[in-house]
């Protein structure tokens, strides 16, 4: 689970009238090092995650340039679905979500109203997806690359790759082909804010609360990564641009200013302290730059990657190719990592003098007598829990009357069903959560144990374990904290 400085979490477990309570203390301030866990993973070659954004309610949006679609993952982290675009169709059609088309979309951003903005480099345009899923082209001319400023009806872009939206609704664009940062004003005018300080190509963009624009400056996109420059620039509100950290030569050194080294830095995000988080694609790491320009590696191991997710703290975690980052509630960092979505939790949010690890209850259940667990999440940030109903795995502990087909359901405080194992299980997410929670593995496939990993806002919740077919048997109902 994740706690802020004022968070207190009470976990309640109910078993036929018995009540157990556990109180967790508030945790301390955010640290640099991050716990990395896997939210979703897609088989290599089937999809590619190149852009990411998180809205105010915790929905995660990702861009898949391989299939030219935008996906949406609910706050609970269960089962992403195509939100806009037609799978495998590269086009430029506006309209209702699944009938619209993009051409290798990449950068994403979300405004305060929940509109999702898409950098569509294949069409040289900027698109908008309304909360209802309707796609609209708002700037650029499809099929026409250019560098013309002016009204949105006539201005042009050249392979826009990344976006950021300020609180007023102005959109900043990393215009890759023009080696420039462009701005789409709320009034519909497009202007050039700055050209790259070192003559590189902008691959990521982010804003801070003071109106400064940060842009990652890399070499021309190539594989394997290389070339020059490799830096992160800062553009002041008056348009003055300077290099904040890094320089032309690629590398992987932490340090201050020009002493630090990046290799093809890409996506950027700025936290409330003004620290800039960087997806260092070439080094397969996540870096952090302080306002003074000091660079630290906070997750991943320089130069060491993996085609599949490896979770853990700091350099224990491995990435496949981080290309974009976005910040969510509680300082959580979400990473578009080649074929998956990863989450980096500030290490301080998983440390404290009192730790909840696991609560469980075991009993014989049937459809008329389920095993029920209640838990309350308090505080102001989301909490992540692993809830599972273990049946067949109990045989390994010597139980012969285990429930062969458990059904797990989660309800909110109003009694509304918000998740059910009958709807499917995100096995990669569960695998990651089991490892991070340090619990014994279970059989998580059809007709066996069932698990749900959910990232939940503060509130009261209930978990219920029963049988999918109406049979009777012993089940173990568990709730774990996931760091």
Protein backbone atom coordinates (compact mmCIF):
# COMPACT_ATOMS: atom_id res chain seq x y z
CA UNK A 1 0.00 0.00 0.00
CA UNK A 2 0.98 3.62 -0.42
CA UNK A 3 0.56 6.23 2.29
CA UNK A 4 1.00 9.99 2.47
CA UNK A 5 2.22 11.88 5.54
CA UNK A 6 -1.29 12.03 6.99
CA UNK A 7 -2.45 8.56 6.04
CA UNK A 8 -3.71 6.05 8.55
CA UNK A 9 -4.99 2.74 7.24
CA UNK A 10 -7.28 0.46 9.21
CA UNK A 11 -7.74 -3.10 7.93
CA UNK A 12 -10.77 -4.99 9.19
CA UNK A 13 -11.25 -8.72 8.68
CA UNK A 14 -14.63 -10.30 9.42
CA UNK A 15 -15.23 -14.04 9.84
CA UNK A 16 -18.65 -15.04 11.13
CA UNK A 17 -18.79 -12.29 13.73
CA UNK A 18 -15.09 -12.24 14.64
CA UNK A 19 -13.36 -8.87 14.26
CA UNK A 20 -9.65 -8.16 13.89
CA UNK A 21 -8.17 -4.71 13.54
CA UNK A 22 -4.77 -3.41 12.55
CA UNK A 23 -3.64 0.21 12.66
CA UNK A 24 -0.81 1.42 10.46
CA UNK A 25 1.26 4.48 11.18
CA UNK A 26 1.81 7.40 8.85
CA UNK A 27 4.91 7.21 6.72
CA UNK A 28 7.58 9.79 6.12
CA UNK A 29 8.51 12.08 3.26
CA UNK A 30 9.18 10.91 -0.27
CA UNK A 31 12.68 9.52 -0.95
CA UNK A 32 14.47 9.33 -4.28
CA UNK A 33 14.77 5.57 -4.75
CA UNK A 34 11.62 3.91 -6.09
CA UNK A 35 9.97 0.52 -5.74
CA UNK A 36 9.12 -0.70 -9.23
CA UNK A 37 6.21 -3.05 -9.90
CA UNK A 38 4.49 -4.23 -13.08
CA UNK A 39 0.92 -3.19 -13.78
CA UNK A 40 0.49 -4.74 -17.21
CA UNK A 41 2.64 -6.46 -19.80
CA UNK A 42 1.99 -7.27 -23.45
CA UNK A 43 3.77 -10.09 -25.30
CA UNK A 44 6.76 -8.86 -27.28
CA UNK A 45 5.85 -8.03 -30.85
CA UNK A 46 2.11 -7.77 -30.16
CA UNK A 47 2.04 -4.19 -28.87
CA UNK A 48 4.40 -1.38 -27.95
CA UNK A 49 3.85 1.17 -25.18
CA UNK A 50 5.39 4.51 -26.18
CA UNK A 51 3.32 7.17 -24.42
CA UNK A 52 1.59 7.41 -21.06
CA UNK A 53 -0.66 9.78 -19.10
CA UNK A 54 -2.73 9.56 -15.92
CA UNK A 55 -5.95 11.51 -15.28
CA UNK A 56 -7.23 12.95 -12.01
CA UNK A 57 -9.18 9.81 -11.13
CA UNK A 58 -6.26 7.45 -11.75
CA UNK A 59 -7.11 6.11 -15.22
CA UNK A 60 -3.94 5.27 -17.16
CA UNK A 61 -3.79 6.03 -20.89
CA UNK A 62 -1.11 4.51 -23.12
CA UNK A 63 -0.20 4.97 -26.77
CA UNK A 64 0.60 1.95 -28.92
CA UNK A 65 2.25 3.13 -32.16
CA UNK A 66 2.59 -0.44 -33.43
CA UNK A 67 -1.19 -0.93 -33.58
CA UNK A 68 -2.06 2.80 -33.76
CA UNK A 69 -4.42 2.77 -30.79
CA UNK A 70 -4.81 4.46 -27.41
CA UNK A 71 -5.59 2.15 -24.49
CA UNK A 72 -7.20 2.93 -21.15
CA UNK A 73 -6.45 1.06 -17.92
CA UNK A 74 -8.82 1.77 -14.99
CA UNK A 75 -7.39 2.96 -11.65
CA UNK A 76 -7.55 -0.56 -10.25
CA UNK A 77 -4.98 -1.66 -12.84
CA UNK A 78 -7.16 -4.44 -14.24
CA UNK A 79 -7.46 -5.19 -17.96
CA UNK A 80 -6.60 -2.36 -20.35
CA UNK A 81 -9.02 -1.81 -23.22
CA UNK A 82 -8.72 0.09 -26.49
CA UNK A 83 -10.10 3.56 -25.85
CA UNK A 84 -9.62 5.09 -29.30
CA UNK A 85 -8.32 4.01 -32.68
CA UNK A 86 -8.83 0.94 -34.83
CA UNK A 87 -6.43 -1.93 -34.11
CA UNK A 88 -3.80 -2.22 -36.84
CA UNK A 89 -5.24 0.57 -38.98
CA UNK A 90 -2.94 3.54 -39.65
CA UNK A 91 -5.09 6.48 -40.71
CA UNK A 92 -6.34 9.94 -39.77
CA UNK A 93 -10.09 9.56 -39.26
CA UNK A 94 -11.86 11.54 -36.55
CA UNK A 95 -15.03 10.29 -34.89
CA UNK A 96 -16.19 7.87 -32.19
CA UNK A 97 -13.30 6.15 -30.40
CA UNK A 98 -13.13 2.71 -31.98
CA UNK A 99 -13.92 3.97 -35.48
CA UNK A 100 -11.28 6.72 -35.41
CA UNK A 101 -7.72 6.11 -36.58
CA UNK A 102 -4.21 7.33 -35.79
CA UNK A 103 -0.81 6.87 -37.42
CA UNK A 104 1.78 5.63 -34.90
CA UNK A 105 0.63 7.80 -31.95
CA UNK A 106 3.18 8.51 -29.23
CA UNK A 107 3.01 11.35 -26.67
CA UNK A 108 -0.05 11.78 -24.43
CA UNK A 109 -1.28 14.41 -21.99
CA UNK A 110 -4.51 14.89 -20.01
CA UNK A 111 -6.11 18.22 -19.06
CA UNK A 112 -8.12 19.03 -15.95
CA UNK A 113 -11.39 18.24 -17.75
CA UNK A 114 -10.25 14.70 -18.61
CA UNK A 115 -9.56 15.31 -22.30
CA UNK A 116 -6.67 13.22 -23.62
CA UNK A 117 -4.33 14.87 -26.13
CA UNK A 118 -2.35 12.72 -28.56
CA UNK A 119 0.79 13.52 -30.53
CA UNK A 120 0.17 11.80 -33.86
CA UNK A 121 3.53 11.99 -35.67
CA UNK A 122 2.49 9.85 -38.62
CA UNK A 123 -0.17 12.43 -39.49
CA UNK A 124 1.83 15.49 -38.25
CA UNK A 125 -1.16 16.45 -36.12
CA UNK A 126 -2.37 16.89 -32.55
CA UNK A 127 -5.54 14.99 -31.70
CA UNK A 128 -7.97 15.24 -28.78
CA UNK A 129 -10.03 12.42 -27.26
CA UNK A 130 -12.98 13.62 -25.20
CA UNK A 131 -13.92 11.82 -21.96
CA UNK A 132 -16.66 10.11 -23.97
CA UNK A 133 -14.13 8.76 -26.47
CA UNK A 134 -14.68 11.04 -29.49
CA UNK A 135 -11.51 11.82 -31.46
CA UNK A 136 -10.99 15.32 -32.91
CA UNK A 137 -8.01 16.76 -34.81
CA UNK A 138 -7.28 20.10 -33.13
CA UNK A 139 -4.05 21.26 -34.82
CA UNK A 140 -1.85 20.47 -37.78
CA UNK A 141 -2.76 19.35 -41.28
CA UNK A 142 -2.87 15.59 -41.81
CA UNK A 143 -0.18 14.48 -44.25
CA UNK A 144 1.51 17.89 -44.38
CA UNK A 145 4.80 18.29 -42.52
CA UNK A 146 5.86 21.88 -41.90
CA UNK A 147 6.89 24.55 -39.41
CA UNK A 148 4.28 27.25 -40.01
CA UNK A 149 3.07 29.19 -36.97
CA UNK A 150 -0.32 30.86 -36.82
CA UNK A 151 -3.97 29.81 -36.48
CA UNK A 152 -4.60 26.12 -35.86
CA UNK A 153 -6.43 25.90 -39.18
CA UNK A 154 -3.24 26.62 -41.16
CA UNK A 155 -0.26 25.95 -38.85
CA UNK A 156 1.81 22.80 -39.40
CA UNK A 157 3.98 20.38 -37.41
CA UNK A 158 6.66 17.86 -38.34
CA UNK A 159 6.39 14.58 -36.41
CA UNK A 160 5.19 15.85 -33.00
CA UNK A 161 6.23 13.26 -30.40
CA UNK A 162 5.37 14.51 -26.90
CA UNK A 163 2.87 16.85 -25.21
CA UNK A 164 2.24 18.72 -21.97
CA UNK A 165 -0.82 20.73 -20.92
CA UNK A 166 -0.74 23.59 -18.42
CA UNK A 167 -3.61 24.34 -15.97
CA UNK A 168 -4.99 27.01 -18.29
CA UNK A 169 -5.31 24.52 -21.15
CA UNK A 170 -2.36 25.65 -23.29
CA UNK A 171 -0.64 22.71 -25.01
CA UNK A 172 3.13 22.46 -25.39
CA UNK A 173 4.45 20.24 -28.17
CA UNK A 174 7.82 18.56 -28.65
CA UNK A 175 7.95 19.06 -32.44
CA UNK A 176 10.55 16.43 -33.26
CA UNK A 177 11.06 17.06 -36.97
CA UNK A 178 11.39 20.82 -36.49
CA UNK A 179 13.74 20.46 -33.48
CA UNK A 180 11.52 22.89 -31.61
CA UNK A 181 9.06 23.37 -28.78
CA UNK A 182 5.75 24.74 -30.03
CA UNK A 183 2.74 26.08 -28.12
CA UNK A 184 -0.96 25.82 -28.94
CA UNK A 185 -2.66 28.62 -27.03
CA UNK A 186 -6.13 28.33 -25.59
CA UNK A 187 -7.17 30.88 -28.20
CA UNK A 188 -6.07 28.62 -31.06
CA UNK A 189 -2.76 30.17 -32.10
CA UNK A 190 0.39 28.10 -32.62
CA UNK A 191 3.79 29.65 -31.90
CA UNK A 192 7.39 28.48 -31.64
CA UNK A 193 8.61 28.74 -28.04
CA UNK A 194 12.26 27.72 -28.53
CA UNK A 195 14.65 25.75 -30.70
CA UNK A 196 16.79 23.06 -29.08
CA UNK A 197 19.78 24.45 -27.17
CA UNK A 198 22.18 21.84 -28.55
CA UNK A 199 20.67 21.24 -31.96
CA UNK A 200 19.12 17.92 -30.98
CA UNK A 201 15.64 16.48 -31.35
CA UNK A 202 12.96 16.94 -28.63
CA UNK A 203 11.68 13.59 -27.37
CA UNK A 204 9.90 14.49 -24.12
CA UNK A 205 8.31 17.55 -22.54
CA UNK A 206 6.96 18.57 -19.13
CA UNK A 207 5.92 21.68 -17.18
CA UNK A 208 6.44 22.82 -13.61
CA UNK A 209 4.19 25.00 -11.45
CA UNK A 210 6.15 28.17 -12.24
CA UNK A 211 5.67 28.06 -16.00
CA UNK A 212 9.05 26.55 -16.86
CA UNK A 213 9.13 24.04 -19.71
CA UNK A 214 11.49 21.05 -19.63
CA UNK A 215 12.41 19.19 -22.77
CA UNK A 216 14.60 16.13 -23.31
CA UNK A 217 16.98 16.60 -26.19
CA UNK A 218 18.22 13.49 -27.91
CA UNK A 219 19.80 12.36 -31.15
CA UNK A 220 17.67 11.32 -34.08
CA UNK A 221 15.61 8.32 -32.93
CA UNK A 222 17.52 5.20 -33.84
CA UNK A 223 18.16 1.69 -32.59
CA UNK A 224 20.42 0.97 -30.83
CA UNK A 225 20.47 4.42 -29.19
CA UNK A 226 23.51 6.59 -29.75
CA UNK A 227 24.61 9.86 -31.30
CA UNK A 228 24.46 13.37 -29.90
CA UNK A 229 23.22 15.30 -27.94
CA UNK A 230 21.88 13.73 -24.74
CA UNK A 231 20.55 16.41 -22.41
CA UNK A 232 17.55 17.90 -20.63
CA UNK A 233 16.87 21.59 -21.25
CA UNK A 234 14.91 24.15 -19.26
CA UNK A 235 12.95 26.89 -20.99
CA UNK A 236 12.03 29.87 -18.79
CA UNK A 237 8.67 31.66 -19.20
CA UNK A 238 10.46 34.39 -21.22
CA UNK A 239 11.66 31.79 -23.75
CA UNK A 240 15.27 31.61 -22.56
CA UNK A 241 16.59 28.05 -22.96
CA UNK A 242 19.55 26.45 -21.17
CA UNK A 243 20.81 22.94 -20.55
CA UNK A 244 19.81 21.76 -17.07
CA UNK A 245 21.72 18.47 -17.08
CA UNK A 246 23.64 16.24 -19.46
CA UNK A 247 25.61 17.14 -22.56
CA UNK A 248 26.32 15.97 -26.10
CA UNK A 249 28.25 12.83 -25.23
CA UNK A 250 26.13 9.81 -24.26
CA UNK A 251 26.77 7.96 -21.00
CA UNK A 252 25.22 6.92 -17.71
CA UNK A 253 26.92 9.03 -15.02
CA UNK A 254 25.07 10.64 -12.14
CA UNK A 255 26.29 14.05 -11.06
CA UNK A 256 25.61 17.75 -11.40
CA UNK A 257 24.80 19.59 -14.61
CA UNK A 258 27.14 18.81 -17.47
CA UNK A 259 28.94 16.16 -15.40
CA UNK A 260 25.86 13.93 -15.66
CA UNK A 261 25.34 11.70 -18.68
CA UNK A 262 22.21 10.38 -20.39
CA UNK A 263 21.81 8.13 -23.41
CA UNK A 264 18.77 9.08 -25.46
CA UNK A 265 16.63 10.66 -22.72
CA UNK A 266 12.96 10.61 -23.64
CA UNK A 267 9.82 11.09 -21.51
CA UNK A 268 9.74 13.67 -18.70
CA UNK A 269 7.55 14.47 -15.68
CA UNK A 270 7.92 17.12 -12.96
CA UNK A 271 6.88 16.47 -9.35
CA UNK A 272 5.56 18.98 -6.82
CA UNK A 273 9.09 19.65 -5.52
CA UNK A 274 10.29 20.66 -8.97
CA UNK A 275 12.32 17.48 -9.50
CA UNK A 276 12.33 16.24 -13.10
CA UNK A 277 11.88 12.49 -13.69
CA UNK A 278 13.50 11.22 -16.89
CA UNK A 279 12.95 8.04 -18.88
CA UNK A 280 16.55 7.35 -19.91
CA UNK A 281 15.78 5.01 -22.76
CA UNK A 282 19.31 4.16 -23.80
CA UNK A 283 20.44 3.33 -20.26
CA UNK A 284 17.15 1.56 -19.39
CA UNK A 285 16.84 3.58 -16.18
CA UNK A 286 14.73 6.26 -14.52
CA UNK A 287 16.70 9.35 -13.53
CA UNK A 288 15.80 12.31 -11.32
CA UNK A 289 17.09 15.87 -11.74
CA UNK A 290 16.78 18.33 -8.85
CA UNK A 291 16.03 22.02 -9.56
CA UNK A 292 19.76 22.63 -9.07
CA UNK A 293 20.57 20.15 -11.85
CA UNK A 294 21.83 17.22 -9.75
CA UNK A 295 21.09 13.88 -11.43
CA UNK A 296 20.44 10.61 -9.56
CA UNK A 297 19.41 7.20 -10.89
CA UNK A 298 16.27 6.19 -8.93
CA UNK A 299 15.31 2.93 -10.64
CA UNK A 300 16.82 0.44 -13.03
CA UNK A 301 20.40 -0.64 -13.67
CA UNK A 302 22.41 1.24 -16.25
CA UNK A 303 22.84 -0.71 -19.46
CA UNK A 304 21.07 -3.79 -18.10
CA UNK A 305 17.68 -4.49 -19.64
CA UNK A 306 15.24 -7.35 -19.94
CA UNK A 307 12.50 -8.36 -22.40
CA UNK A 308 10.25 -9.14 -19.42
CA UNK A 309 9.58 -7.21 -16.21
CA UNK A 310 11.89 -7.54 -13.22
CA UNK A 311 10.51 -5.73 -10.18
CA UNK A 312 12.18 -4.51 -7.01
CA UNK A 313 13.74 -1.56 -5.23
CA UNK A 314 16.00 0.84 -7.12
CA UNK A 315 18.64 -0.97 -9.15
CA UNK A 316 17.06 -4.35 -8.39
CA UNK A 317 14.38 -3.45 -10.95
CA UNK A 318 15.06 -3.88 -14.66
CA UNK A 319 13.37 -2.16 -17.61
CA UNK A 320 13.01 -3.17 -21.23
CA UNK A 321 13.12 0.34 -22.68
CA UNK A 322 11.41 3.20 -20.77
CA UNK A 323 10.19 5.84 -23.19
CA UNK A 324 7.61 7.93 -21.31
CA UNK A 325 6.68 8.77 -17.71
CA UNK A 326 3.68 10.32 -15.94
CA UNK A 327 3.04 11.21 -12.31
CA UNK A 328 -0.10 10.16 -10.44
CA UNK A 329 -1.49 10.47 -6.91
CA UNK A 330 0.89 10.03 -4.01
CA UNK A 331 3.94 10.75 -6.17
CA UNK A 332 3.59 7.43 -8.00
CA UNK A 333 5.46 7.39 -11.29
CA UNK A 334 3.98 5.47 -14.21
CA UNK A 335 6.37 4.30 -16.92
CA UNK A 336 5.74 3.27 -20.50
CA UNK A 337 8.29 0.47 -20.73
CA UNK A 338 8.37 -0.95 -24.26
CA UNK A 339 5.77 -3.71 -23.87
CA UNK A 340 4.36 -2.85 -20.47
CA UNK A 341 3.23 -0.38 -17.85
CA UNK A 342 5.41 -0.14 -14.76
CA UNK A 343 4.83 1.80 -11.55
CA UNK A 344 7.55 3.44 -9.43
CA UNK A 345 6.50 4.12 -5.83
CA UNK A 346 8.66 6.51 -3.75
CA UNK A 347 10.61 4.30 -1.34
CA UNK A 348 9.62 6.45 1.65
CA UNK A 349 5.99 5.49 1.04
CA UNK A 350 6.86 1.87 1.83
CA UNK A 351 8.88 2.50 4.99
CA UNK A 352 7.77 3.03 8.59
CA UNK A 353 8.01 1.75 12.16
CA UNK A 354 4.79 -0.30 11.78
CA UNK A 355 4.11 -2.31 8.62
CA UNK A 356 1.03 -4.23 7.53
CA UNK A 357 2.08 -7.37 5.65
CA UNK A 358 -0.84 -9.79 5.54
CA UNK A 359 -4.22 -10.57 7.07
CA UNK A 360 -6.02 -13.81 6.28
CA UNK A 361 -8.98 -15.93 7.24
CA UNK A 362 -9.85 -19.54 6.38
CA UNK A 363 -13.21 -21.21 6.38
CA UNK A 364 -15.62 -23.56 4.64
CA UNK A 365 -17.82 -21.68 2.22
CA UNK A 366 -20.76 -22.17 -0.13
CA UNK A 367 -22.90 -19.76 -2.10
CA UNK A 368 -25.20 -19.35 0.89
CA UNK A 369 -22.31 -18.83 3.31
CA UNK A 370 -19.45 -16.82 1.76
CA UNK A 371 -16.25 -15.82 3.51
CA UNK A 372 -16.21 -12.01 3.79
CA UNK A 373 -13.38 -9.55 4.47
CA UNK A 374 -13.69 -5.81 4.94
CA UNK A 375 -10.94 -3.24 4.67
CA UNK A 376 -10.90 0.55 5.03
CA UNK A 377 -8.39 2.77 3.23
CA UNK A 378 -7.94 6.15 4.92
CA UNK A 379 -5.72 9.12 4.04
CA UNK A 380 -5.46 11.15 0.86
CA UNK A 381 -3.61 8.88 -1.57
CA UNK A 382 -4.40 5.62 -3.31
CA UNK A 383 -3.45 2.28 -1.77
CA UNK A 384 -2.53 -0.92 -3.61
CA UNK A 385 -3.69 -4.29 -2.29
CA UNK A 386 -3.46 -7.89 -3.42
CA UNK A 387 -6.63 -9.81 -2.49
CA UNK A 388 -6.87 -13.50 -3.29
CA UNK A 389 -9.07 -16.53 -2.64
CA UNK A 390 -6.83 -19.59 -2.37
CA UNK A 391 -8.47 -22.97 -2.94
CA UNK A 392 -6.53 -25.67 -4.86
CA UNK A 393 -3.15 -24.54 -3.55
CA UNK A 394 -4.32 -25.52 -0.05
CA UNK A 395 -3.74 -29.13 -1.14
CA UNK A 396 0.00 -28.47 -0.88
CA UNK A 397 -0.57 -27.75 2.82
CA UNK A 398 -2.35 -31.05 3.42
CA UNK A 399 -6.00 -29.94 3.07
CA UNK A 400 -8.19 -32.29 1.02
CA UNK A 401 -11.53 -30.43 1.23
CA UNK A 402 -10.32 -27.31 -0.60
CA UNK A 403 -12.68 -25.26 -2.76
CA UNK A 404 -11.85 -26.17 -6.34
CA UNK A 405 -13.25 -23.11 -8.13
CA UNK A 406 -13.23 -20.00 -5.89
CA UNK A 407 -14.89 -16.78 -7.02
CA UNK A 408 -13.54 -13.50 -5.64
CA UNK A 409 -15.54 -10.26 -5.72
CA UNK A 410 -14.71 -6.76 -4.44
CA UNK A 411 -17.38 -4.21 -3.47
CA UNK A 412 -17.15 -0.50 -2.58
CA UNK A 413 -18.85 1.20 0.37
CA UNK A 414 -22.14 1.53 -1.51
CA UNK A 415 -22.27 -2.21 -2.18
CA UNK A 416 -21.45 -1.80 -5.87
CA UNK A 417 -19.37 -4.59 -7.41
CA UNK A 418 -16.12 -3.04 -8.66
CA UNK A 419 -14.07 -6.13 -9.52
CA UNK A 420 -14.68 -9.84 -10.02
CA UNK A 421 -12.32 -12.70 -10.80
CA UNK A 422 -15.04 -13.97 -13.14
CA UNK A 423 -14.13 -11.08 -15.47
CA UNK A 424 -10.54 -12.27 -15.83
CA UNK A 425 -7.24 -11.83 -14.05
CA UNK A 426 -4.27 -9.64 -14.92
CA UNK A 427 -1.71 -12.40 -14.41
CA UNK A 428 1.39 -10.21 -14.90
CA UNK A 429 0.14 -7.74 -12.33
CA UNK A 430 -0.62 -10.58 -9.90
CA UNK A 431 2.78 -12.19 -10.44
CA UNK A 432 4.48 -8.88 -9.67
CA UNK A 433 2.33 -8.24 -6.57
CA UNK A 434 2.98 -11.73 -5.17
CA UNK A 435 6.73 -11.22 -5.50
CA UNK A 436 6.70 -7.76 -3.90
CA UNK A 437 4.42 -8.88 -1.06
CA UNK A 438 6.74 -11.81 -0.36
CA UNK A 439 3.94 -14.36 -0.15
CA UNK A 440 3.72 -17.96 -1.33
CA UNK A 441 2.77 -18.44 -5.00
CA UNK A 442 -0.67 -19.73 -5.90
CA UNK A 443 -2.24 -21.24 -9.00
CA UNK A 444 -3.75 -18.25 -10.78
CA UNK A 445 -5.47 -19.65 -13.84
CA UNK A 446 -8.97 -20.74 -14.81
CA UNK A 447 -10.45 -23.28 -12.39
CA UNK A 448 -7.87 -22.59 -9.68
CA UNK A 449 -6.96 -19.91 -7.14
CA UNK A 450 -8.08 -16.39 -8.01
CA UNK A 451 -6.46 -13.03 -7.28
CA UNK A 452 -7.18 -9.35 -7.82
CA UNK A 453 -4.69 -6.50 -7.54
CA UNK A 454 -6.36 -3.13 -7.10
CA UNK A 455 -5.12 0.42 -6.58
CA UNK A 456 -7.89 2.03 -4.59
CA UNK A 457 -8.77 5.54 -3.42
CA UNK A 458 -9.61 6.08 0.26
CA UNK A 459 -12.85 4.39 1.28
CA UNK A 460 -14.42 1.23 2.67
CA UNK A 461 -14.31 -2.02 0.68
CA UNK A 462 -15.52 -5.60 1.06
CA UNK A 463 -14.08 -8.81 -0.41
CA UNK A 464 -16.22 -11.92 -0.76
CA UNK A 465 -15.04 -15.46 -1.54
CA UNK A 466 -17.51 -18.08 -2.74
CA UNK A 467 -17.71 -20.77 -5.43
CA UNK A 468 -18.00 -20.19 -9.17
CA UNK A 469 -20.12 -23.34 -9.59
CA UNK A 470 -21.92 -23.35 -6.24
CA UNK A 471 -19.80 -26.08 -4.66
CA UNK A 472 -18.64 -26.22 -1.05
CA UNK A 473 -15.08 -26.29 0.27
CA UNK A 474 -12.35 -24.63 2.31
CA UNK A 475 -10.91 -21.36 1.04
CA UNK A 476 -8.24 -18.99 2.33
CA UNK A 477 -9.15 -15.31 1.84
CA UNK A 478 -6.14 -13.01 2.03
CA UNK A 479 -5.30 -9.31 1.78
CA UNK A 480 -1.71 -8.18 1.26
CA UNK A 481 -0.05 -4.80 1.22
CA UNK A 482 1.81 -4.31 -2.06
CA UNK A 483 4.75 -1.85 -1.86
